[in-house]
Amino acid sequence: MVEPLPKWLMQRYSLLWVKFKDKEFNHEQATQTLPDDERMVSVILSEMRKVGWLEMRLDPEDARKRLYKLKSPEEVVKEIARGVGK
């Protein structure tokens, strides 16, 4: 049986989607947007990547930094449906 996705993760996704939609953002911008401390934002972004809601790439101007981009709500629903079908 597939575990339901945590409500807190869906809420954080919603906050980020309202702010950035399909535009790229960095960790600092996510920290400014979410009501969580910097360490928790790292956990949130990692969890979103694990469930397939978030894409990550290295910043071409500074390879130490990461750029994030959310998948659309439609794509997220498909990811959830795939998880349920497993």
PDB file of N, CA and C in Angstrom:
ATOM      1  N   MET A   1       0.836  -1.185   0.000  1.00  0.00           N
ATOM      2  CA  MET A   1       0.000   0.000   0.000  1.00  0.00           C
ATOM      3  C   MET A   1       0.883   1.252   0.000  1.00  0.00           C
ATOM      4  N   VAL A   2       0.524   2.226  -0.786  1.00  0.00           N
ATOM      5  CA  VAL A   2       1.279   3.473  -0.881  1.00  0.00           C
ATOM      6  C   VAL A   2       0.847   4.409   0.239  1.00  0.00           C
ATOM      7  N   GLU A   3       1.838   5.008   0.899  1.00  0.00           N
ATOM      8  CA  GLU A   3       1.543   5.975   1.953  1.00  0.00           C
ATOM      9  C   GLU A   3       1.042   7.268   1.322  1.00  0.00           C
ATOM     10  N   PRO A   4       0.026   7.895   1.907  1.00  0.00           N
ATOM     11  CA  PRO A   4      -0.414   9.180   1.378  1.00  0.00           C
ATOM     12  C   PRO A   4       0.686  10.219   1.572  1.00  0.00           C
ATOM     13  N   LEU A   5       0.732  11.162   0.663  1.00  0.00           N
ATOM     14  CA  LEU A   5       1.730  12.213   0.784  1.00  0.00           C
ATOM     15  C   LEU A   5       1.374  13.131   1.932  1.00  0.00           C
ATOM     16  N   PRO A   6       2.378  13.572   2.666  1.00  0.00           N
ATOM     17  CA  PRO A   6       2.097  14.422   3.831  1.00  0.00           C
ATOM     18  C   PRO A   6       1.443  15.746   3.437  1.00  0.00           C
ATOM     19  N   LYS A   7       0.480  16.142   4.236  1.00  0.00           N
ATOM     20  CA  LYS A   7      -0.243  17.392   3.991  1.00  0.00           C
ATOM     21  C   LYS A   7       0.711  18.585   4.014  1.00  0.00           C
ATOM     22  N   TRP A   8       1.676  18.573   4.943  1.00  0.00           N
ATOM     23  CA  TRP A   8       2.616  19.692   5.049  1.00  0.00           C
ATOM     24  C   TRP A   8       3.421  19.874   3.774  1.00  0.00           C
ATOM     25  N   LEU A   9       3.733  18.753   3.094  1.00  0.00           N
ATOM     26  CA  LEU A   9       4.502  18.842   1.850  1.00  0.00           C
ATOM     27  C   LEU A   9       3.648  19.458   0.745  1.00  0.00           C
ATOM     28  N   MET A  10       2.388  19.063   0.684  1.00  0.00           N
ATOM     29  CA  MET A  10       1.478  19.643  -0.319  1.00  0.00           C
ATOM     30  C   MET A  10       1.278  21.133  -0.068  1.00  0.00           C
ATOM     31  N   GLN A  11       1.194  21.513   1.205  1.00  0.00           N
ATOM     32  CA  GLN A  11       1.030  22.940   1.531  1.00  0.00           C
ATOM     33  C   GLN A  11       2.254  23.743   1.086  1.00  0.00           C
ATOM     34  N   ARG A  12       3.455  23.199   1.316  1.00  0.00           N
ATOM     35  CA  ARG A  12       4.673  23.913   0.920  1.00  0.00           C
ATOM     36  C   ARG A  12       4.766  24.004  -0.607  1.00  0.00           C
ATOM     37  N   TYR A  13       4.382  22.925  -1.290  1.00  0.00           N
ATOM     38  CA  TYR A  13       4.355  22.963  -2.758  1.00  0.00           C
ATOM     39  C   TYR A  13       3.430  24.092  -3.218  1.00  0.00           C
ATOM     40  N   SER A  14       2.251  24.189  -2.613  1.00  0.00           N
ATOM     41  CA  SER A  14       1.280  25.223  -2.996  1.00  0.00           C
ATOM     42  C   SER A  14       1.844  26.622  -2.796  1.00  0.00           C
ATOM     43  N   LEU A  15       2.510  26.849  -1.671  1.00  0.00           N
ATOM     44  CA  LEU A  15       3.110  28.167  -1.414  1.00  0.00           C
ATOM     45  C   LEU A  15       4.162  28.510  -2.471  1.00  0.00           C
ATOM     46  N   LEU A  16       4.996  27.533  -2.790  1.00  0.00           N
ATOM     47  CA  LEU A  16       6.025  27.774  -3.804  1.00  0.00           C
ATOM     48  C   LEU A  16       5.408  27.983  -5.189  1.00  0.00           C
ATOM     49  N   TRP A  17       4.355  27.209  -5.519  1.00  0.00           N
ATOM     50  CA  TRP A  17       3.714  27.346  -6.830  1.00  0.00           C
ATOM     51  C   TRP A  17       3.084  28.736  -6.984  1.00  0.00           C
ATOM     52  N   VAL A  18       2.417  29.213  -5.945  1.00  0.00           N
ATOM     53  CA  VAL A  18       1.791  30.544  -6.005  1.00  0.00           C
ATOM     54  C   VAL A  18       2.854  31.607  -6.277  1.00  0.00           C
ATOM     55  N   LYS A  19       4.015  31.466  -5.664  1.00  0.00           N
ATOM     56  CA  LYS A  19       5.081  32.468  -5.805  1.00  0.00           C
ATOM     57  C   LYS A  19       5.831  32.349  -7.131  1.00  0.00           C
ATOM     58  N   PHE A  20       6.220  31.120  -7.517  1.00  0.00           N
ATOM     59  CA  PHE A  20       7.133  30.945  -8.649  1.00  0.00           C
ATOM     60  C   PHE A  20       6.511  30.335  -9.903  1.00  0.00           C
ATOM     61  N   LYS A  21       5.394  29.660  -9.755  1.00  0.00           N
ATOM     62  CA  LYS A  21       4.788  28.911 -10.870  1.00  0.00           C
ATOM     63  C   LYS A  21       5.882  28.074 -11.554  1.00  0.00           C
ATOM     64  N   ASP A  22       6.098  28.266 -12.860  1.00  0.00           N
ATOM     65  CA  ASP A  22       7.083  27.433 -13.563  1.00  0.00           C
ATOM     66  C   ASP A  22       8.428  28.138 -13.751  1.00  0.00           C
ATOM     67  N   LYS A  23       8.686  29.169 -12.940  1.00  0.00           N
ATOM     68  CA  LYS A  23       9.970  29.874 -13.010  1.00  0.00           C
ATOM     69  C   LYS A  23      10.975  29.230 -12.053  1.00  0.00           C
ATOM     70  N   GLU A  24      12.246  29.317 -12.419  1.00  0.00           N
ATOM     71  CA  GLU A  24      13.281  28.773 -11.553  1.00  0.00           C
ATOM     72  C   GLU A  24      13.474  29.658 -10.320  1.00  0.00           C
ATOM     73  N   PHE A  25      13.899  29.028  -9.242  1.00  0.00           N
ATOM     74  CA  PHE A  25      14.194  29.741  -8.006  1.00  0.00           C
ATOM     75  C   PHE A  25      15.334  29.025  -7.300  1.00  0.00           C
ATOM     76  N   ASN A  26      15.962  29.721  -6.357  1.00  0.00           N
ATOM     77  CA  ASN A  26      17.055  29.104  -5.621  1.00  0.00           C
ATOM     78  C   ASN A  26      16.646  28.845  -4.169  1.00  0.00           C
ATOM     79  N   HIS A  27      17.560  28.277  -3.415  1.00  0.00           N
ATOM     80  CA  HIS A  27      17.269  27.911  -2.025  1.00  0.00           C
ATOM     81  C   HIS A  27      16.921  29.143  -1.195  1.00  0.00           C
ATOM     82  N   GLU A  28      17.660  30.225  -1.401  1.00  0.00           N
ATOM     83  CA  GLU A  28      17.407  31.451  -0.635  1.00  0.00           C
ATOM     84  C   GLU A  28      15.990  31.981  -0.896  1.00  0.00           C
ATOM     85  N   GLN A  29      15.572  31.959  -2.154  1.00  0.00           N
ATOM     86  CA  GLN A  29      14.216  32.423  -2.493  1.00  0.00           C
ATOM     87  C   GLN A  29      13.160  31.521  -1.863  1.00  0.00           C
ATOM     88  N   ALA A  30      13.419  30.212  -1.856  1.00  0.00           N
ATOM     89  CA  ALA A  30      12.481  29.275  -1.228  1.00  0.00           C
ATOM     90  C   ALA A  30      12.397  29.547   0.269  1.00  0.00           C
ATOM     91  N   THR A  31      13.542  29.834   0.902  1.00  0.00           N
ATOM     92  CA  THR A  31      13.571  30.123   2.336  1.00  0.00           C
ATOM     93  C   THR A  31      12.777  31.392   2.656  1.00  0.00           C
ATOM     94  N   GLN A  32      12.851  32.368   1.770  1.00  0.00           N
ATOM     95  CA  GLN A  32      12.101  33.615   1.974  1.00  0.00           C
ATOM     96  C   GLN A  32      10.595  33.410   1.776  1.00  0.00           C
ATOM     97  N   THR A  33      10.221  32.416   1.004  1.00  0.00           N
ATOM     98  CA  THR A  33       8.815  32.162   0.680  1.00  0.00           C
ATOM     99  C   THR A  33       8.128  31.265   1.701  1.00  0.00           C
ATOM    100  N   LEU A  34       8.843  30.281   2.198  1.00  0.00           N
ATOM    101  CA  LEU A  34       8.241  29.296   3.102  1.00  0.00           C
ATOM    102  C   LEU A  34       8.372  29.728   4.560  1.00  0.00           C
ATOM    103  N   PRO A  35       7.430  29.278   5.408  1.00  0.00           N
ATOM    104  CA  PRO A  35       7.454  29.664   6.827  1.00  0.00           C
ATOM    105  C   PRO A  35       8.378  28.789   7.672  1.00  0.00           C
ATOM    106  N   ASP A  36       9.393  28.206   7.042  1.00  0.00           N
ATOM    107  CA  ASP A  36      10.262  27.250   7.727  1.00  0.00           C
ATOM    108  C   ASP A  36      11.693  27.792   7.782  1.00  0.00           C
ATOM    109  N   ASP A  37      12.493  27.224   8.693  1.00  0.00           N
ATOM    110  CA  ASP A  37      13.894  27.643   8.748  1.00  0.00           C
ATOM    111  C   ASP A  37      14.657  27.033   7.570  1.00  0.00           C
ATOM    112  N   GLU A  38      15.873  27.513   7.392  1.00  0.00           N
ATOM    113  CA  GLU A  38      16.678  27.140   6.226  1.00  0.00           C
ATOM    114  C   GLU A  38      16.909  25.634   6.135  1.00  0.00           C
ATOM    115  N   ARG A  39      17.150  24.993   7.264  1.00  0.00           N
ATOM    116  CA  ARG A  39      17.393  23.551   7.266  1.00  0.00           C
ATOM    117  C   ARG A  39      16.150  22.782   6.842  1.00  0.00           C
ATOM    118  N   MET A  40      14.993  23.209   7.342  1.00  0.00           N
ATOM    119  CA  MET A  40      13.742  22.534   6.976  1.00  0.00           C
ATOM    120  C   MET A  40      13.428  22.744   5.499  1.00  0.00           C
ATOM    121  N   VAL A  41      13.769  23.906   4.957  1.00  0.00           N
ATOM    122  CA  VAL A  41      13.553  24.148   3.529  1.00  0.00           C
ATOM    123  C   VAL A  41      14.369  23.148   2.714  1.00  0.00           C
ATOM    124  N   SER A  42      15.572  22.838   3.146  1.00  0.00           N
ATOM    125  CA  SER A  42      16.383  21.827   2.457  1.00  0.00           C
ATOM    126  C   SER A  42      15.676  20.476   2.454  1.00  0.00           C
ATOM    127  N   VAL A  43      15.082  20.109   3.585  1.00  0.00           N
ATOM    128  CA  VAL A  43      14.339  18.850   3.688  1.00  0.00           C
ATOM    129  C   VAL A  43      13.136  18.880   2.752  1.00  0.00           C
ATOM    130  N   ILE A  44      12.414  19.988   2.747  1.00  0.00           N
ATOM    131  CA  ILE A  44      11.222  20.125   1.897  1.00  0.00           C
ATOM    132  C   ILE A  44      11.589  19.972   0.428  1.00  0.00           C
ATOM    133  N   LEU A  45      12.625  20.664  -0.010  1.00  0.00           N
ATOM    134  CA  LEU A  45      13.036  20.581  -1.413  1.00  0.00           C
ATOM    135  C   LEU A  45      13.489  19.166  -1.764  1.00  0.00           C
ATOM    136  N   SER A  46      14.198  18.528  -0.855  1.00  0.00           N
ATOM    137  CA  SER A  46      14.631  17.153  -1.076  1.00  0.00           C
ATOM    138  C   SER A  46      13.441  16.201  -1.198  1.00  0.00           C
ATOM    139  N   GLU A  47      12.471  16.353  -0.313  1.00  0.00           N
ATOM    140  CA  GLU A  47      11.275  15.502  -0.363  1.00  0.00           C
ATOM    141  C   GLU A  47      10.494  15.721  -1.658  1.00  0.00           C
ATOM    142  N   MET A  48      10.388  16.971  -2.087  1.00  0.00           N
ATOM    143  CA  MET A  48       9.677  17.263  -3.340  1.00  0.00           C
ATOM    144  C   MET A  48      10.385  16.639  -4.535  1.00  0.00           C
ATOM    145  N   ARG A  49      11.704  16.612  -4.495  1.00  0.00           N
ATOM    146  CA  ARG A  49      12.457  15.944  -5.574  1.00  0.00           C
ATOM    147  C   ARG A  49      12.196  14.444  -5.555  1.00  0.00           C
ATOM    148  N   LYS A  50      12.185  13.855  -4.360  1.00  0.00           N
ATOM    149  CA  LYS A  50      11.974  12.401  -4.224  1.00  0.00           C
ATOM    150  C   LYS A  50      10.633  11.977  -4.793  1.00  0.00           C
ATOM    151  N   VAL A  51       9.586  12.792  -4.578  1.00  0.00           N
ATOM    152  CA  VAL A  51       8.257  12.410  -5.063  1.00  0.00           C
ATOM    153  C   VAL A  51       8.004  12.895  -6.496  1.00  0.00           C
ATOM    154  N   GLY A  52       8.987  13.575  -7.088  1.00  0.00           N
ATOM    155  CA  GLY A  52       8.887  13.951  -8.497  1.00  0.00           C
ATOM    156  C   GLY A  52       8.172  15.263  -8.772  1.00  0.00           C
ATOM    157  N   TRP A  53       8.070  16.145  -7.773  1.00  0.00           N
ATOM    158  CA  TRP A  53       7.360  17.418  -7.960  1.00  0.00           C
ATOM    159  C   TRP A  53       8.294  18.555  -8.321  1.00  0.00           C
ATOM    160  N   LEU A  54       9.596  18.315  -8.224  1.00  0.00           N
ATOM    161  CA  LEU A  54      10.567  19.384  -8.335  1.00  0.00           C
ATOM    162  C   LEU A  54      11.763  18.903  -9.146  1.00  0.00           C
ATOM    163  N   GLU A  55      12.213  19.741 -10.050  1.00  0.00           N
ATOM    164  CA  GLU A  55      13.422  19.452 -10.818  1.00  0.00           C
ATOM    165  C   GLU A  55      14.539  20.343 -10.291  1.00  0.00           C
ATOM    166  N   MET A  56      15.773  19.839 -10.369  1.00  0.00           N
ATOM    167  CA  MET A  56      16.911  20.586  -9.870  1.00  0.00           C
ATOM    168  C   MET A  56      18.025  20.541 -10.913  1.00  0.00           C
ATOM    169  N   ARG A  57      18.726  21.672 -11.040  1.00  0.00           N
ATOM    170  CA  ARG A  57      19.920  21.696 -11.880  1.00  0.00           C
ATOM    171  C   ARG A  57      20.928  22.630 -11.228  1.00  0.00           C
ATOM    172  N   LEU A  58      22.189  22.461 -11.594  1.00  0.00           N
ATOM    173  CA  LEU A  58      23.224  23.339 -11.064  1.00  0.00           C
ATOM    174  C   LEU A  58      23.159  24.684 -11.770  1.00  0.00           C
ATOM    175  N   ASP A  59      23.419  25.728 -11.028  1.00  0.00           N
ATOM    176  CA  ASP A  59      23.446  27.085 -11.567  1.00  0.00           C
ATOM    177  C   ASP A  59      24.640  27.199 -12.514  1.00  0.00           C
ATOM    178  N   PRO A  60      24.421  27.555 -13.784  1.00  0.00           N
ATOM    179  CA  PRO A  60      25.542  27.636 -14.730  1.00  0.00           C
ATOM    180  C   PRO A  60      26.558  28.723 -14.352  1.00  0.00           C
ATOM    181  N   GLU A  61      26.141  29.699 -13.569  1.00  0.00           N
ATOM    182  CA  GLU A  61      27.049  30.775 -13.159  1.00  0.00           C
ATOM    183  C   GLU A  61      27.840  30.433 -11.901  1.00  0.00           C
ATOM    184  N   ASP A  62      27.348  29.479 -11.114  1.00  0.00           N
ATOM    185  CA  ASP A  62      28.014  29.065  -9.884  1.00  0.00           C
ATOM    186  C   ASP A  62      27.585  27.631  -9.580  1.00  0.00           C
ATOM    187  N   ALA A  63      28.429  26.680  -9.945  1.00  0.00           N
ATOM    188  CA  ALA A  63      28.079  25.255  -9.837  1.00  0.00           C
ATOM    189  C   ALA A  63      27.868  24.793  -8.401  1.00  0.00           C
ATOM    190  N   ARG A  64      28.196  25.627  -7.410  1.00  0.00           N
ATOM    191  CA  ARG A  64      27.940  25.262  -6.017  1.00  0.00           C
ATOM    192  C   ARG A  64      26.474  25.461  -5.659  1.00  0.00           C
ATOM    193  N   LYS A  65      25.780  26.247  -6.470  1.00  0.00           N
ATOM    194  CA  LYS A  65      24.380  26.573  -6.186  1.00  0.00           C
ATOM    195  C   LYS A  65      23.446  25.748  -7.065  1.00  0.00           C
ATOM    196  N   ARG A  66      22.244  25.552  -6.565  1.00  0.00           N
ATOM    197  CA  ARG A  66      21.234  24.783  -7.302  1.00  0.00           C
ATOM    198  C   ARG A  66      20.067  25.681  -7.666  1.00  0.00           C
ATOM    199  N   LEU A  67      19.482  25.382  -8.803  1.00  0.00           N
ATOM    200  CA  LEU A  67      18.270  26.057  -9.236  1.00  0.00           C
ATOM    201  C   LEU A  67      17.156  25.020  -9.256  1.00  0.00           C
ATOM    202  N   TYR A  68      15.981  25.421  -8.800  1.00  0.00           N
ATOM    203  CA  TYR A  68      14.843  24.518  -8.702  1.00  0.00           C
ATOM    204  C   TYR A  68      13.716  25.004  -9.596  1.00  0.00           C
ATOM    205  N   LYS A  69      12.928  24.056 -10.065  1.00  0.00           N
ATOM    206  CA  LYS A  69      11.756  24.392 -10.866  1.00  0.00           C
ATOM    207  C   LYS A  69      10.666  23.377 -10.525  1.00  0.00           C
ATOM    208  N   LEU A  70       9.502  23.894 -10.171  1.00  0.00           N
ATOM    209  CA  LEU A  70       8.375  23.026  -9.819  1.00  0.00           C
ATOM    210  C   LEU A  70       7.731  22.445 -11.065  1.00  0.00           C
ATOM    211  N   LYS A  71       7.269  21.237 -10.932  1.00  0.00           N
ATOM    212  CA  LYS A  71       6.414  20.682 -11.979  1.00  0.00           C
ATOM    213  C   LYS A  71       5.026  21.276 -11.797  1.00  0.00           C
ATOM    214  N   SER A  72       4.277  21.346 -12.871  1.00  0.00           N
ATOM    215  CA  SER A  72       2.938  21.936 -12.812  1.00  0.00           C
ATOM    216  C   SER A  72       2.024  21.074 -11.933  1.00  0.00           C
ATOM    217  N   PRO A  73       0.955  21.675 -11.403  1.00  0.00           N
ATOM    218  CA  PRO A  73       0.008  20.876 -10.610  1.00  0.00           C
ATOM    219  C   PRO A  73      -0.519  19.666 -11.387  1.00  0.00           C
ATOM    220  N   GLU A  74      -0.710  19.815 -12.694  1.00  0.00           N
ATOM    221  CA  GLU A  74      -1.185  18.685 -13.505  1.00  0.00           C
ATOM    222  C   GLU A  74      -0.166  17.550 -13.493  1.00  0.00           C
ATOM    223  N   GLU A  75       1.117  17.901 -13.619  1.00  0.00           N
ATOM    224  CA  GLU A  75       2.163  16.877 -13.583  1.00  0.00           C
ATOM    225  C   GLU A  75       2.253  16.240 -12.197  1.00  0.00           C
ATOM    226  N   VAL A  76       2.069  17.037 -11.159  1.00  0.00           N
ATOM    227  CA  VAL A  76       2.110  16.526  -9.788  1.00  0.00           C
ATOM    228  C   VAL A  76       0.992  15.507  -9.578  1.00  0.00           C
ATOM    229  N   VAL A  77      -0.205  15.805 -10.084  1.00  0.00           N
ATOM    230  CA  VAL A  77      -1.329  14.866  -9.952  1.00  0.00           C
ATOM    231  C   VAL A  77      -0.980  13.544 -10.646  1.00  0.00           C
ATOM    232  N   LYS A  78      -0.331  13.619 -11.806  1.00  0.00           N
ATOM    233  CA  LYS A  78       0.091  12.392 -12.502  1.00  0.00           C
ATOM    234  C   LYS A  78       1.098  11.610 -11.667  1.00  0.00           C
ATOM    235  N   GLU A  79       2.050  12.320 -11.023  1.00  0.00           N
ATOM    236  CA  GLU A  79       3.035  11.656 -10.166  1.00  0.00           C
ATOM    237  C   GLU A  79       2.330  10.952  -9.002  1.00  0.00           C
ATOM    238  N   ILE A  80       1.354  11.613  -8.403  1.00  0.00           N
ATOM    239  CA  ILE A  80       0.599  11.019  -7.302  1.00  0.00           C
ATOM    240  C   ILE A  80      -0.131   9.763  -7.789  1.00  0.00           C
ATOM    241  N   ALA A  81      -0.754   9.866  -8.969  1.00  0.00           N
ATOM    242  CA  ALA A  81      -1.486   8.728  -9.531  1.00  0.00           C
ATOM    243  C   ALA A  81      -0.551   7.547  -9.812  1.00  0.00           C
ATOM    244  N   ARG A  82       0.663   7.834 -10.290  1.00  0.00           N
ATOM    245  CA  ARG A  82       1.638   6.767 -10.528  1.00  0.00           C
ATOM    246  C   ARG A  82       1.988   6.064  -9.229  1.00  0.00           C
ATOM    247  N   GLY A  83       2.129   6.850  -8.161  1.00  0.00           N
ATOM    248  CA  GLY A  83       2.450   6.267  -6.851  1.00  0.00           C
ATOM    249  C   GLY A  83       1.344   5.387  -6.334  1.00  0.00           C
ATOM    250  N   VAL A  84       0.107   5.780  -6.573  1.00  0.00           N
ATOM    251  CA  VAL A  84      -1.045   4.994  -6.129  1.00  0.00           C
ATOM    252  C   VAL A  84      -1.144   3.686  -6.901  1.00  0.00           C
ATOM    253  N   GLY A  85      -0.738   3.725  -8.169  1.00  0.00           N
ATOM    254  CA  GLY A  85      -0.802   2.534  -9.004  1.00  0.00           C
ATOM    255  C   GLY A  85       0.272   1.502  -8.731  1.00  0.00           C
ATOM    256  N   LYS A  86       1.253   1.838  -7.904  1.00  0.00           N
ATOM    257  CA  LYS A  86       2.361   0.906  -7.619  1.00  0.00           C
ATOM    258  C   LYS A  86       1.952  -0.153  -6.631  1.00  0.00           C
TER     259      LYS A  86
END
